[in-house]
Amino acid sequence: MYILSFYPVVNEGVKLSNDIKIKATISQIIIDFLDNNKDALIHYVCDSSDKRQYSRNKLFSKWFNESNTINVYSKFNLNYPTEDLFYTLEFLFITNTYQIKELEKR
Protein backbone atom coordinates (compact mmCIF):
# COMPACT_ATOMS: atom_id res chain seq x y z
CA MET A 1 0.00 0.00 0.00
CA TYR A 2 1.20 3.47 -0.86
CA ILE A 3 0.01 6.81 0.46
CA LEU A 4 0.38 10.00 -1.54
CA SER A 5 -0.58 13.25 0.14
CA PHE A 6 -0.57 16.74 -1.28
CA TYR A 7 -1.13 19.80 0.84
CA PRO A 8 0.04 23.40 0.83
CA VAL A 9 2.81 24.58 3.08
CA VAL A 10 1.20 27.40 5.04
CA ASN A 11 3.36 30.16 6.47
CA GLU A 12 1.72 32.40 9.03
CA GLY A 13 0.76 35.75 7.57
CA VAL A 14 1.42 34.67 3.97
CA LYS A 15 -1.57 34.35 1.66
CA LEU A 16 -1.71 31.22 -0.49
CA SER A 17 -1.53 31.93 -4.20
CA ASN A 18 -2.24 29.89 -7.29
CA ASP A 19 1.12 28.53 -8.37
CA ILE A 20 1.04 27.37 -11.99
CA LYS A 21 3.69 24.72 -11.19
CA ILE A 22 1.34 22.81 -8.86
CA LYS A 23 -0.62 21.17 -11.68
CA ALA A 24 2.53 20.03 -13.51
CA THR A 25 4.22 18.83 -10.32
CA ILE A 26 1.29 16.78 -8.99
CA SER A 27 0.54 15.37 -12.45
CA GLN A 28 4.14 14.28 -12.97
CA ILE A 29 4.36 12.66 -9.52
CA ILE A 30 1.23 10.61 -10.29
CA ILE A 31 2.41 9.68 -13.80
CA ASP A 32 5.83 8.61 -12.50
CA PHE A 33 4.22 6.58 -9.71
CA LEU A 34 1.85 4.75 -12.07
CA ASP A 35 4.57 4.14 -14.65
CA ASN A 36 6.76 2.56 -11.96
CA ASN A 37 3.88 0.61 -10.34
CA LYS A 38 1.92 -0.76 -13.29
CA ASP A 39 -0.62 -2.65 -11.13
CA ALA A 40 -1.26 0.30 -8.83
CA LEU A 41 -4.72 1.74 -8.40
CA ILE A 42 -4.52 5.20 -6.88
CA HIS A 43 -7.50 5.99 -4.68
CA TYR A 44 -7.85 9.54 -3.54
CA VAL A 45 -10.35 11.55 -1.59
CA CYS A 46 -10.46 15.32 -1.75
CA ASP A 47 -10.12 16.97 1.66
CA SER A 48 -13.51 17.95 3.05
CA SER A 49 -12.42 19.74 6.23
CA ASP A 50 -13.26 23.14 4.70
CA LYS A 51 -16.21 21.81 2.62
CA ARG A 52 -14.34 22.57 -0.62
CA GLN A 53 -13.97 18.95 -1.70
CA TYR A 54 -16.29 19.44 -4.68
CA SER A 55 -14.14 22.31 -5.96
CA ARG A 56 -11.01 20.20 -5.56
CA ASN A 57 -12.71 17.34 -7.38
CA LYS A 58 -13.61 19.63 -10.28
CA LEU A 59 -10.06 20.98 -10.44
CA PHE A 60 -8.44 17.53 -10.47
CA SER A 61 -10.93 16.36 -13.11
CA LYS A 62 -10.10 19.41 -15.21
CA TRP A 63 -6.37 18.69 -14.91
CA PHE A 64 -6.95 15.08 -15.95
CA ASN A 65 -9.12 16.04 -18.92
CA GLU A 66 -6.58 18.63 -20.08
CA SER A 67 -3.70 16.19 -19.87
CA ASN A 68 -2.56 14.38 -22.95
CA THR A 69 -2.51 11.08 -21.07
CA ILE A 70 -6.19 10.16 -21.29
CA ASN A 71 -5.43 7.26 -23.64
CA VAL A 72 -2.89 5.83 -21.19
CA TYR A 73 -4.55 6.46 -17.82
CA SER A 74 -8.16 6.21 -16.68
CA LYS A 75 -10.10 7.98 -13.95
CA PHE A 76 -13.15 6.50 -12.24
CA ASN A 77 -15.40 8.33 -9.75
CA LEU A 78 -17.85 7.07 -7.14
CA ASN A 79 -20.11 9.67 -5.55
CA TYR A 80 -21.51 9.26 -2.04
CA PRO A 81 -23.80 12.02 -0.81
CA THR A 82 -24.37 12.17 2.95
CA GLU A 83 -26.46 14.50 5.07
CA ASP A 84 -23.53 16.82 5.72
CA LEU A 85 -21.14 16.31 2.83
CA PHE A 86 -20.86 15.06 -0.70
CA TYR A 87 -17.95 12.60 -0.90
CA THR A 88 -16.35 11.63 -4.16
CA LEU A 89 -13.99 8.69 -4.18
CA GLU A 90 -11.70 8.75 -7.19
CA PHE A 91 -9.39 6.22 -8.71
CA LEU A 92 -6.56 6.64 -11.23
CA PHE A 93 -4.90 3.74 -13.00
CA ILE A 94 -3.22 2.60 -16.19
CA THR A 95 -6.03 1.85 -18.64
CA ASN A 96 -4.70 -1.54 -19.72
CA THR A 97 -4.46 -2.79 -16.13
CA TYR A 98 -8.09 -2.38 -15.03
CA GLN A 99 -11.35 -1.98 -16.89
CA ILE A 100 -13.84 0.67 -15.77
CA LYS A 101 -16.74 -1.68 -16.51
CA GLU A 102 -15.34 -4.13 -13.95
CA LEU A 103 -15.05 -1.39 -11.32
CA GLU A 104 -18.61 -0.19 -12.00
CA LYS A 105 -19.96 -3.65 -11.13
CA ARG A 106 -18.46 -3.53 -7.64
PDB file of N, CA and C in Angstrom:
ATOM      1  N   MET A   1       0.845  -1.171   0.000  1.00  0.00           N
ATOM      2  CA  MET A   1       0.000   0.000   0.000  1.00  0.00           C
ATOM      3  C   MET A   1       0.890   1.234   0.000  1.00  0.00           C
ATOM      4  N   TYR A   2       0.473   2.215  -0.761  1.00  0.00           N
ATOM      5  CA  TYR A   2       1.200   3.473  -0.856  1.00  0.00           C
ATOM      6  C   TYR A   2       0.256   4.605  -0.474  1.00  0.00           C
ATOM      7  N   ILE A   3       0.804   5.628   0.121  1.00  0.00           N
ATOM      8  CA  ILE A   3       0.012   6.807   0.461  1.00  0.00           C
ATOM      9  C   ILE A   3       0.683   8.018  -0.176  1.00  0.00           C
ATOM     10  N   LEU A   4      -0.087   8.749  -0.950  1.00  0.00           N
ATOM     11  CA  LEU A   4       0.384   9.998  -1.541  1.00  0.00           C
ATOM     12  C   LEU A   4      -0.467  11.118  -0.974  1.00  0.00           C
ATOM     13  N   SER A   5       0.158  12.115  -0.421  1.00  0.00           N
ATOM     14  CA  SER A   5      -0.577  13.251   0.135  1.00  0.00           C
ATOM     15  C   SER A   5      -0.030  14.538  -0.458  1.00  0.00           C
ATOM     16  N   PHE A   6      -0.940  15.434  -0.774  1.00  0.00           N
ATOM     17  CA  PHE A   6      -0.569  16.741  -1.283  1.00  0.00           C
ATOM     18  C   PHE A   6      -1.274  17.778  -0.440  1.00  0.00           C
ATOM     19  N   TYR A   7      -0.533  18.731   0.038  1.00  0.00           N
ATOM     20  CA  TYR A   7      -1.129  19.799   0.836  1.00  0.00           C
ATOM     21  C   TYR A   7      -0.220  21.016   0.754  1.00  0.00           C
ATOM     22  N   PRO A   8      -0.793  22.194   0.911  1.00  0.00           N
ATOM     23  CA  PRO A   8       0.040  23.403   0.833  1.00  0.00           C
ATOM     24  C   PRO A   8       0.854  23.602   2.109  1.00  0.00           C
ATOM     25  N   VAL A   9       2.007  24.169   1.944  1.00  0.00           N
ATOM     26  CA  VAL A   9       2.809  24.584   3.085  1.00  0.00           C
ATOM     27  C   VAL A   9       2.326  25.987   3.432  1.00  0.00           C
ATOM     28  N   VAL A  10       1.789  26.123   4.630  1.00  0.00           N
ATOM     29  CA  VAL A  10       1.201  27.397   5.038  1.00  0.00           C
ATOM     30  C   VAL A  10       2.156  28.108   5.985  1.00  0.00           C
ATOM     31  N   ASN A  11       2.528  29.317   5.607  1.00  0.00           N
ATOM     32  CA  ASN A  11       3.359  30.158   6.465  1.00  0.00           C
ATOM     33  C   ASN A  11       2.470  31.239   7.057  1.00  0.00           C
ATOM     34  N   GLU A  12       2.561  31.422   8.352  1.00  0.00           N
ATOM     35  CA  GLU A  12       1.718  32.397   9.027  1.00  0.00           C
ATOM     36  C   GLU A  12       1.888  33.780   8.416  1.00  0.00           C
ATOM     37  N   GLY A  13       0.757  34.406   8.116  1.00  0.00           N
ATOM     38  CA  GLY A  13       0.759  35.754   7.574  1.00  0.00           C
ATOM     39  C   GLY A  13       0.984  35.829   6.072  1.00  0.00           C
ATOM     40  N   VAL A  14       1.189  34.680   5.412  1.00  0.00           N
ATOM     41  CA  VAL A  14       1.419  34.669   3.971  1.00  0.00           C
ATOM     42  C   VAL A  14       0.196  34.060   3.290  1.00  0.00           C
ATOM     43  N   LYS A  15      -0.378  34.811   2.373  1.00  0.00           N
ATOM     44  CA  LYS A  15      -1.566  34.346   1.656  1.00  0.00           C
ATOM     45  C   LYS A  15      -1.171  33.307   0.611  1.00  0.00           C
ATOM     46  N   LEU A  16      -1.958  32.231   0.536  1.00  0.00           N
ATOM     47  CA  LEU A  16      -1.714  31.221  -0.489  1.00  0.00           C
ATOM     48  C   LEU A  16      -2.063  31.785  -1.856  1.00  0.00           C
ATOM     49  N   SER A  17      -1.256  31.474  -2.844  1.00  0.00           N
ATOM     50  CA  SER A  17      -1.527  31.933  -4.196  1.00  0.00           C
ATOM     51  C   SER A  17      -1.609  30.735  -5.129  1.00  0.00           C
ATOM     52  N   ASN A  18      -2.175  30.951  -6.287  1.00  0.00           N
ATOM     53  CA  ASN A  18      -2.242  29.894  -7.292  1.00  0.00           C
ATOM     54  C   ASN A  18      -0.902  29.813  -8.007  1.00  0.00           C
ATOM     55  N   ASP A  19      -0.187  28.750  -7.758  1.00  0.00           N
ATOM     56  CA  ASP A  19       1.116  28.530  -8.367  1.00  0.00           C
ATOM     57  C   ASP A  19       0.909  27.642  -9.593  1.00  0.00           C
ATOM     58  N   ILE A  20       1.283  28.127 -10.763  1.00  0.00           N
ATOM     59  CA  ILE A  20       1.045  27.368 -11.988  1.00  0.00           C
ATOM     60  C   ILE A  20       1.859  26.076 -12.051  1.00  0.00           C
ATOM     61  N   LYS A  21       2.865  25.934 -11.207  1.00  0.00           N
ATOM     62  CA  LYS A  21       3.687  24.725 -11.193  1.00  0.00           C
ATOM     63  C   LYS A  21       3.020  23.572 -10.440  1.00  0.00           C
ATOM     64  N   ILE A  22       1.990  23.856  -9.659  1.00  0.00           N
ATOM     65  CA  ILE A  22       1.343  22.812  -8.859  1.00  0.00           C
ATOM     66  C   ILE A  22       0.750  21.732  -9.754  1.00  0.00           C
ATOM     67  N   LYS A  23       0.008  22.132 -10.774  1.00  0.00           N
ATOM     68  CA  LYS A  23      -0.619  21.167 -11.683  1.00  0.00           C
ATOM     69  C   LYS A  23       0.429  20.247 -12.303  1.00  0.00           C
ATOM     70  N   ALA A  24       1.485  20.826 -12.855  1.00  0.00           N
ATOM     71  CA  ALA A  24       2.526  20.034 -13.511  1.00  0.00           C
ATOM     72  C   ALA A  24       3.238  19.117 -12.520  1.00  0.00           C
ATOM     73  N   THR A  25       3.504  19.615 -11.327  1.00  0.00           N
ATOM     74  CA  THR A  25       4.218  18.834 -10.318  1.00  0.00           C
ATOM     75  C   THR A  25       3.393  17.638  -9.854  1.00  0.00           C
ATOM     76  N   ILE A  26       2.146  17.871  -9.470  1.00  0.00           N
ATOM     77  CA  ILE A  26       1.292  16.782  -8.994  1.00  0.00           C
ATOM     78  C   ILE A  26       1.045  15.777 -10.119  1.00  0.00           C
ATOM     79  N   SER A  27       0.777  16.268 -11.312  1.00  0.00           N
ATOM     80  CA  SER A  27       0.544  15.372 -12.450  1.00  0.00           C
ATOM     81  C   SER A  27       1.755  14.486 -12.709  1.00  0.00           C
ATOM     82  N   GLN A  28       2.947  15.062 -12.689  1.00  0.00           N
ATOM     83  CA  GLN A  28       4.145  14.279 -12.970  1.00  0.00           C
ATOM     84  C   GLN A  28       4.425  13.258 -11.878  1.00  0.00           C
ATOM     85  N   ILE A  29       4.174  13.607 -10.628  1.00  0.00           N
ATOM     86  CA  ILE A  29       4.356  12.658  -9.522  1.00  0.00           C
ATOM     87  C   ILE A  29       3.439  11.459  -9.725  1.00  0.00           C
ATOM     88  N   ILE A  30       2.190  11.704 -10.089  1.00  0.00           N
ATOM     89  CA  ILE A  30       1.228  10.615 -10.292  1.00  0.00           C
ATOM     90  C   ILE A  30       1.616   9.771 -11.502  1.00  0.00           C
ATOM     91  N   ILE A  31       1.994  10.406 -12.605  1.00  0.00           N
ATOM     92  CA  ILE A  31       2.414   9.676 -13.802  1.00  0.00           C
ATOM     93  C   ILE A  31       3.630   8.806 -13.501  1.00  0.00           C
ATOM     94  N   ASP A  32       4.627   9.376 -12.848  1.00  0.00           N
ATOM     95  CA  ASP A  32       5.826   8.605 -12.503  1.00  0.00           C
ATOM     96  C   ASP A  32       5.479   7.424 -11.607  1.00  0.00           C
ATOM     97  N   PHE A  33       4.615   7.654 -10.623  1.00  0.00           N
ATOM     98  CA  PHE A  33       4.223   6.579  -9.712  1.00  0.00           C
ATOM     99  C   PHE A  33       3.537   5.456 -10.478  1.00  0.00           C
ATOM    100  N   LEU A  34       2.562   5.787 -11.323  1.00  0.00           N
ATOM    101  CA  LEU A  34       1.848   4.752 -12.070  1.00  0.00           C
ATOM    102  C   LEU A  34       2.755   4.046 -13.068  1.00  0.00           C
ATOM    103  N   ASP A  35       3.649   4.766 -13.698  1.00  0.00           N
ATOM    104  CA  ASP A  35       4.569   4.143 -14.646  1.00  0.00           C
ATOM    105  C   ASP A  35       5.517   3.165 -13.964  1.00  0.00           C
ATOM    106  N   ASN A  36       5.858   3.439 -12.709  1.00  0.00           N
ATOM    107  CA  ASN A  36       6.759   2.561 -11.964  1.00  0.00           C
ATOM    108  C   ASN A  36       6.028   1.491 -11.162  1.00  0.00           C
ATOM    109  N   ASN A  37       4.715   1.572 -11.084  1.00  0.00           N
ATOM    110  CA  ASN A  37       3.884   0.612 -10.340  1.00  0.00           C
ATOM    111  C   ASN A  37       2.677   0.278 -11.212  1.00  0.00           C
ATOM    112  N   LYS A  38       2.913  -0.518 -12.243  1.00  0.00           N
ATOM    113  CA  LYS A  38       1.917  -0.759 -13.294  1.00  0.00           C
ATOM    114  C   LYS A  38       0.593  -1.319 -12.774  1.00  0.00           C
ATOM    115  N   ASP A  39       0.610  -2.064 -11.677  1.00  0.00           N
ATOM    116  CA  ASP A  39      -0.620  -2.648 -11.131  1.00  0.00           C
ATOM    117  C   ASP A  39      -1.293  -1.745 -10.108  1.00  0.00           C
ATOM    118  N   ALA A  40      -0.727  -0.587  -9.865  1.00  0.00           N
ATOM    119  CA  ALA A  40      -1.258   0.300  -8.828  1.00  0.00           C
ATOM    120  C   ALA A  40      -2.605   0.883  -9.243  1.00  0.00           C
ATOM    121  N   LEU A  41      -3.425   1.068  -8.267  1.00  0.00           N
ATOM    122  CA  LEU A  41      -4.720   1.741  -8.404  1.00  0.00           C
ATOM    123  C   LEU A  41      -4.686   2.852  -7.368  1.00  0.00           C
ATOM    124  N   ILE A  42      -4.589   4.087  -7.813  1.00  0.00           N
ATOM    125  CA  ILE A  42      -4.523   5.205  -6.876  1.00  0.00           C
ATOM    126  C   ILE A  42      -5.942   5.601  -6.489  1.00  0.00           C
ATOM    127  N   HIS A  43      -6.202   5.561  -5.211  1.00  0.00           N
ATOM    128  CA  HIS A  43      -7.496   5.986  -4.678  1.00  0.00           C
ATOM    129  C   HIS A  43      -7.251   7.281  -3.934  1.00  0.00           C
ATOM    130  N   TYR A  44      -8.021   8.287  -4.279  1.00  0.00           N
ATOM    131  CA  TYR A  44      -7.845   9.535  -3.537  1.00  0.00           C
ATOM    132  C   TYR A  44      -9.186  10.146  -3.188  1.00  0.00           C
ATOM    133  N   VAL A  45      -9.168  10.854  -2.094  1.00  0.00           N
ATOM    134  CA  VAL A  45     -10.350  11.548  -1.590  1.00  0.00           C
ATOM    135  C   VAL A  45      -9.956  13.005  -1.393  1.00  0.00           C
ATOM    136  N   CYS A  46     -10.740  13.894  -1.927  1.00  0.00           N
ATOM    137  CA  CYS A  46     -10.456  15.319  -1.746  1.00  0.00           C
ATOM    138  C   CYS A  46     -10.806  15.732  -0.320  1.00  0.00           C
ATOM    139  N   ASP A  47      -9.930  16.503   0.288  1.00  0.00           N
ATOM    140  CA  ASP A  47     -10.116  16.970   1.658  1.00  0.00           C
ATOM    141  C   ASP A  47     -11.454  17.695   1.791  1.00  0.00           C
ATOM    142  N   SER A  48     -12.191  17.344   2.827  1.00  0.00           N
ATOM    143  CA  SER A  48     -13.507  17.948   3.046  1.00  0.00           C
ATOM    144  C   SER A  48     -13.555  18.807   4.309  1.00  0.00           C
ATOM    145  N   SER A  49     -12.418  19.028   4.953  1.00  0.00           N
ATOM    146  CA  SER A  49     -12.423  19.745   6.231  1.00  0.00           C
ATOM    147  C   SER A  49     -12.931  21.178   6.091  1.00  0.00           C
ATOM    148  N   ASP A  50     -12.772  21.769   4.917  1.00  0.00           N
ATOM    149  CA  ASP A  50     -13.255  23.135   4.703  1.00  0.00           C
ATOM    150  C   ASP A  50     -14.462  23.161   3.754  1.00  0.00           C
ATOM    151  N   LYS A  51     -15.033  21.974   3.493  1.00  0.00           N
ATOM    152  CA  LYS A  51     -16.208  21.811   2.622  1.00  0.00           C
ATOM    153  C   LYS A  51     -15.948  22.279   1.187  1.00  0.00           C
ATOM    154  N   ARG A  52     -14.694  22.186   0.746  1.00  0.00           N
ATOM    155  CA  ARG A  52     -14.335  22.569  -0.621  1.00  0.00           C
ATOM    156  C   ARG A  52     -13.941  21.354  -1.454  1.00  0.00           C
ATOM    157  N   GLN A  53     -14.349  20.168  -0.995  1.00  0.00           N
ATOM    158  CA  GLN A  53     -13.969  18.948  -1.700  1.00  0.00           C
ATOM    159  C   GLN A  53     -14.523  18.902  -3.125  1.00  0.00           C
ATOM    160  N   TYR A  54     -15.707  19.438  -3.340  1.00  0.00           N
ATOM    161  CA  TYR A  54     -16.293  19.435  -4.680  1.00  0.00           C
ATOM    162  C   TYR A  54     -15.460  20.307  -5.631  1.00  0.00           C
ATOM    163  N   SER A  55     -15.002  21.444  -5.145  1.00  0.00           N
ATOM    164  CA  SER A  55     -14.145  22.313  -5.962  1.00  0.00           C
ATOM    165  C   SER A  55     -12.825  21.627  -6.291  1.00  0.00           C
ATOM    166  N   ARG A  56     -12.258  20.928  -5.317  1.00  0.00           N
ATOM    167  CA  ARG A  56     -11.013  20.196  -5.559  1.00  0.00           C
ATOM    168  C   ARG A  56     -11.244  19.094  -6.583  1.00  0.00           C
ATOM    169  N   ASN A  57     -12.366  18.397  -6.438  1.00  0.00           N
ATOM    170  CA  ASN A  57     -12.709  17.342  -7.382  1.00  0.00           C
ATOM    171  C   ASN A  57     -12.806  17.884  -8.804  1.00  0.00           C
ATOM    172  N   LYS A  58     -13.479  19.024  -8.961  1.00  0.00           N
ATOM    173  CA  LYS A  58     -13.615  19.634 -10.284  1.00  0.00           C
ATOM    174  C   LYS A  58     -12.249  20.030 -10.849  1.00  0.00           C
ATOM    175  N   LEU A  59     -11.388  20.568  -9.995  1.00  0.00           N
ATOM    176  CA  LEU A  59     -10.065  20.981 -10.441  1.00  0.00           C
ATOM    177  C   LEU A  59      -9.242  19.778 -10.895  1.00  0.00           C
ATOM    178  N   PHE A  60      -9.222  18.715 -10.102  1.00  0.00           N
ATOM    179  CA  PHE A  60      -8.444  17.532 -10.474  1.00  0.00           C
ATOM    180  C   PHE A  60      -9.008  16.891 -11.739  1.00  0.00           C
ATOM    181  N   SER A  61     -10.319  16.895 -11.885  1.00  0.00           N
ATOM    182  CA  SER A  61     -10.931  16.359 -13.107  1.00  0.00           C
ATOM    183  C   SER A  61     -10.534  17.206 -14.315  1.00  0.00           C
ATOM    184  N   LYS A  62     -10.507  18.507 -14.129  1.00  0.00           N
ATOM    185  CA  LYS A  62     -10.096  19.408 -15.209  1.00  0.00           C
ATOM    186  C   LYS A  62      -8.649  19.127 -15.606  1.00  0.00           C
ATOM    187  N   TRP A  63      -7.773  18.990 -14.622  1.00  0.00           N
ATOM    188  CA  TRP A  63      -6.375  18.689 -14.914  1.00  0.00           C
ATOM    189  C   TRP A  63      -6.260  17.391 -15.696  1.00  0.00           C
ATOM    190  N   PHE A  64      -6.999  16.370 -15.265  1.00  0.00           N
ATOM    191  CA  PHE A  64      -6.945  15.081 -15.947  1.00  0.00           C
ATOM    192  C   PHE A  64      -7.430  15.212 -17.387  1.00  0.00           C
ATOM    193  N   ASN A  65      -8.547  15.891 -17.574  1.00  0.00           N
ATOM    194  CA  ASN A  65      -9.117  16.038 -18.918  1.00  0.00           C
ATOM    195  C   ASN A  65      -8.237  16.874 -19.838  1.00  0.00           C
ATOM    196  N   GLU A  66      -7.483  17.800 -19.273  1.00  0.00           N
ATOM    197  CA  GLU A  66      -6.585  18.629 -20.075  1.00  0.00           C
ATOM    198  C   GLU A  66      -5.252  17.942 -20.379  1.00  0.00           C
ATOM    199  N   SER A  67      -4.975  16.887 -19.653  1.00  0.00           N
ATOM    200  CA  SER A  67      -3.701  16.192 -19.871  1.00  0.00           C
ATOM    201  C   SER A  67      -3.752  15.446 -21.194  1.00  0.00           C
ATOM    202  N   ASN A  68      -2.598  15.166 -21.726  1.00  0.00           N
ATOM    203  CA  ASN A  68      -2.558  14.384 -22.952  1.00  0.00           C
ATOM    204  C   ASN A  68      -2.223  12.931 -22.633  1.00  0.00           C
ATOM    205  N   THR A  69      -2.757  12.456 -21.499  1.00  0.00           N
ATOM    206  CA  THR A  69      -2.509  11.078 -21.074  1.00  0.00           C
ATOM    207  C   THR A  69      -3.794  10.270 -20.967  1.00  0.00           C
ATOM    208  N   ILE A  70      -4.898  10.816 -21.456  1.00  0.00           N
ATOM    209  CA  ILE A  70      -6.193  10.162 -21.292  1.00  0.00           C
ATOM    210  C   ILE A  70      -6.220   8.779 -21.936  1.00  0.00           C
ATOM    211  N   ASN A  71      -5.455   8.571 -22.998  1.00  0.00           N
ATOM    212  CA  ASN A  71      -5.434   7.260 -23.642  1.00  0.00           C
ATOM    213  C   ASN A  71      -4.601   6.240 -22.873  1.00  0.00           C
ATOM    214  N   VAL A  72      -3.760   6.705 -21.966  1.00  0.00           N
ATOM    215  CA  VAL A  72      -2.886   5.825 -21.195  1.00  0.00           C
ATOM    216  C   VAL A  72      -3.465   5.547 -19.804  1.00  0.00           C
ATOM    217  N   TYR A  73      -4.041   6.571 -19.189  1.00  0.00           N
ATOM    218  CA  TYR A  73      -4.554   6.462 -17.824  1.00  0.00           C
ATOM    219  C   TYR A  73      -6.069   6.644 -17.824  1.00  0.00           C
ATOM    220  N   SER A  74      -6.716   6.058 -16.836  1.00  0.00           N
ATOM    221  CA  SER A  74      -8.161   6.210 -16.685  1.00  0.00           C
ATOM    222  C   SER A  74      -8.472   6.758 -15.312  1.00  0.00           C
ATOM    223  N   LYS A  75      -9.620   7.409 -15.212  1.00  0.00           N
ATOM    224  CA  LYS A  75     -10.099   7.982 -13.953  1.00  0.00           C
ATOM    225  C   LYS A  75     -11.532   7.506 -13.754  1.00  0.00           C
ATOM    226  N   PHE A  76     -11.824   7.036 -12.567  1.00  0.00           N
ATOM    227  CA  PHE A  76     -13.147   6.501 -12.239  1.00  0.00           C
ATOM    228  C   PHE A  76     -13.619   7.148 -10.949  1.00  0.00           C
ATOM    229  N   ASN A  77     -14.855   7.642 -10.926  1.00  0.00           N
ATOM    230  CA  ASN A  77     -15.400   8.328  -9.748  1.00  0.00           C
ATOM    231  C   ASN A  77     -16.580   7.561  -9.168  1.00  0.00           C
ATOM    232  N   LEU A  78     -16.674   7.564  -7.861  1.00  0.00           N
ATOM    233  CA  LEU A  78     -17.847   7.069  -7.139  1.00  0.00           C
ATOM    234  C   LEU A  78     -18.319   8.201  -6.241  1.00  0.00           C
ATOM    235  N   ASN A  79     -19.574   8.578  -6.351  1.00  0.00           N
ATOM    236  CA  ASN A  79     -20.115   9.670  -5.552  1.00  0.00           C
ATOM    237  C   ASN A  79     -20.980   9.134  -4.418  1.00  0.00           C
ATOM    238  N   TYR A  80     -20.759   9.665  -3.222  1.00  0.00           N
ATOM    239  CA  TYR A  80     -21.507   9.261  -2.045  1.00  0.00           C
ATOM    240  C   TYR A  80     -22.029  10.482  -1.299  1.00  0.00           C
ATOM    241  N   PRO A  81     -23.256  10.885  -1.564  1.00  0.00           N
ATOM    242  CA  PRO A  81     -23.802  12.020  -0.809  1.00  0.00           C
ATOM    243  C   PRO A  81     -24.201  11.567   0.601  1.00  0.00           C
ATOM    244  N   THR A  82     -23.931  12.410   1.574  1.00  0.00           N
ATOM    245  CA  THR A  82     -24.374  12.169   2.946  1.00  0.00           C
ATOM    246  C   THR A  82     -25.186  13.381   3.370  1.00  0.00           C
ATOM    247  N   GLU A  83     -25.679  13.355   4.586  1.00  0.00           N
ATOM    248  CA  GLU A  83     -26.455  14.504   5.070  1.00  0.00           C
ATOM    249  C   GLU A  83     -25.620  15.776   5.091  1.00  0.00           C
ATOM    250  N   ASP A  84     -24.372  15.644   5.524  1.00  0.00           N
ATOM    251  CA  ASP A  84     -23.532  16.820   5.725  1.00  0.00           C
ATOM    252  C   ASP A  84     -22.610  17.139   4.548  1.00  0.00           C
ATOM    253  N   LEU A  85     -22.149  16.111   3.862  1.00  0.00           N
ATOM    254  CA  LEU A  85     -21.138  16.309   2.826  1.00  0.00           C
ATOM    255  C   LEU A  85     -21.425  15.466   1.601  1.00  0.00           C
ATOM    256  N   PHE A  86     -20.802  15.838   0.522  1.00  0.00           N
ATOM    257  CA  PHE A  86     -20.860  15.059  -0.704  1.00  0.00           C
ATOM    258  C   PHE A  86     -19.459  14.515  -0.945  1.00  0.00           C
ATOM    259  N   TYR A  87     -19.258  13.222  -0.721  1.00  0.00           N
ATOM    260  CA  TYR A  87     -17.954  12.604  -0.896  1.00  0.00           C
ATOM    261  C   TYR A  87     -17.826  12.063  -2.311  1.00  0.00           C
ATOM    262  N   THR A  88     -16.667  12.241  -2.881  1.00  0.00           N
ATOM    263  CA  THR A  88     -16.352  11.628  -4.160  1.00  0.00           C
ATOM    264  C   THR A  88     -15.073  10.830  -3.982  1.00  0.00           C
ATOM    265  N   LEU A  89     -15.159   9.548  -4.213  1.00  0.00           N
ATOM    266  CA  LEU A  89     -13.989   8.686  -4.182  1.00  0.00           C
ATOM    267  C   LEU A  89     -13.496   8.561  -5.614  1.00  0.00           C
ATOM    268  N   GLU A  90     -12.227   8.765  -5.829  1.00  0.00           N
ATOM    269  CA  GLU A  90     -11.702   8.749  -7.186  1.00  0.00           C
ATOM    270  C   GLU A  90     -10.537   7.772  -7.287  1.00  0.00           C
ATOM    271  N   PHE A  91     -10.423   7.210  -8.456  1.00  0.00           N
ATOM    272  CA  PHE A  91      -9.387   6.222  -8.713  1.00  0.00           C
ATOM    273  C   PHE A  91      -8.678   6.578 -10.014  1.00  0.00           C
ATOM    274  N   LEU A  92      -7.377   6.452 -10.031  1.00  0.00           N
ATOM    275  CA  LEU A  92      -6.558   6.638 -11.230  1.00  0.00           C
ATOM    276  C   LEU A  92      -5.765   5.368 -11.458  1.00  0.00           C
ATOM    277  N   PHE A  93      -5.636   4.957 -12.703  1.00  0.00           N
ATOM    278  CA  PHE A  93      -4.899   3.736 -13.004  1.00  0.00           C
ATOM    279  C   PHE A  93      -4.516   3.711 -14.476  1.00  0.00           C
ATOM    280  N   ILE A  94      -3.595   2.803 -14.804  1.00  0.00           N
ATOM    281  CA  ILE A  94      -3.218   2.602 -16.194  1.00  0.00           C
ATOM    282  C   ILE A  94      -4.363   1.854 -16.864  1.00  0.00           C
ATOM    283  N   THR A  95      -4.836   2.368 -17.971  1.00  0.00           N
ATOM    284  CA  THR A  95      -6.033   1.853 -18.635  1.00  0.00           C
ATOM    285  C   THR A  95      -5.949   0.363 -18.928  1.00  0.00           C
ATOM    286  N   ASN A  96      -4.814  -0.124 -19.368  1.00  0.00           N
ATOM    287  CA  ASN A  96      -4.702  -1.542 -19.725  1.00  0.00           C
ATOM    288  C   ASN A  96      -4.688  -2.483 -18.529  1.00  0.00           C
ATOM    289  N   THR A  97      -4.539  -1.950 -17.326  1.00  0.00           N
ATOM    290  CA  THR A  97      -4.462  -2.792 -16.131  1.00  0.00           C
ATOM    291  C   THR A  97      -5.837  -3.138 -15.585  1.00  0.00           C
ATOM    292  N   TYR A  98      -6.739  -2.179 -15.554  1.00  0.00           N
ATOM    293  CA  TYR A  98      -8.091  -2.378 -15.026  1.00  0.00           C
ATOM    294  C   TYR A  98      -9.097  -1.878 -16.056  1.00  0.00           C
ATOM    295  N   GLN A  99     -10.275  -2.411 -16.004  1.00  0.00           N
ATOM    296  CA  GLN A  99     -11.346  -1.980 -16.894  1.00  0.00           C
ATOM    297  C   GLN A  99     -12.407  -1.261 -16.059  1.00  0.00           C
ATOM    298  N   ILE A 100     -12.837  -0.100 -16.496  1.00  0.00           N
ATOM    299  CA  ILE A 100     -13.836   0.668 -15.766  1.00  0.00           C
ATOM    300  C   ILE A 100     -15.109  -0.135 -15.599  1.00  0.00           C
ATOM    301  N   LYS A 101     -15.505  -0.888 -16.599  1.00  0.00           N
ATOM    302  CA  LYS A 101     -16.740  -1.682 -16.505  1.00  0.00           C
ATOM    303  C   LYS A 101     -16.674  -2.668 -15.350  1.00  0.00           C
ATOM    304  N   GLU A 102     -15.501  -3.225 -15.077  1.00  0.00           N
ATOM    305  CA  GLU A 102     -15.337  -4.132 -13.949  1.00  0.00           C
ATOM    306  C   GLU A 102     -15.506  -3.377 -12.632  1.00  0.00           C
ATOM    307  N   LEU A 103     -14.938  -2.173 -12.556  1.00  0.00           N
ATOM    308  CA  LEU A 103     -15.050  -1.385 -11.323  1.00  0.00           C
ATOM    309  C   LEU A 103     -16.493  -0.938 -11.081  1.00  0.00           C
ATOM    310  N   GLU A 104     -17.222  -0.641 -12.144  1.00  0.00           N
ATOM    311  CA  GLU A 104     -18.613  -0.190 -12.003  1.00  0.00           C
ATOM    312  C   GLU A 104     -19.494  -1.280 -11.415  1.00  0.00           C
ATOM    313  N   LYS A 105     -19.170  -2.531 -11.640  1.00  0.00           N
ATOM    314  CA  LYS A 105     -19.964  -3.655 -11.127  1.00  0.00           C
ATOM    315  C   LYS A 105     -19.832  -3.794  -9.613  1.00  0.00           C
ATOM    316  N   ARG A 106     -18.753  -3.315  -9.071  1.00  0.00           N
ATOM    317  CA  ARG A 106     -18.464  -3.527  -7.641  1.00  0.00           C
ATOM    318  C   ARG A 106     -19.098  -2.509  -6.799  1.00  0.00           C
TER     319      ARG A 106
END
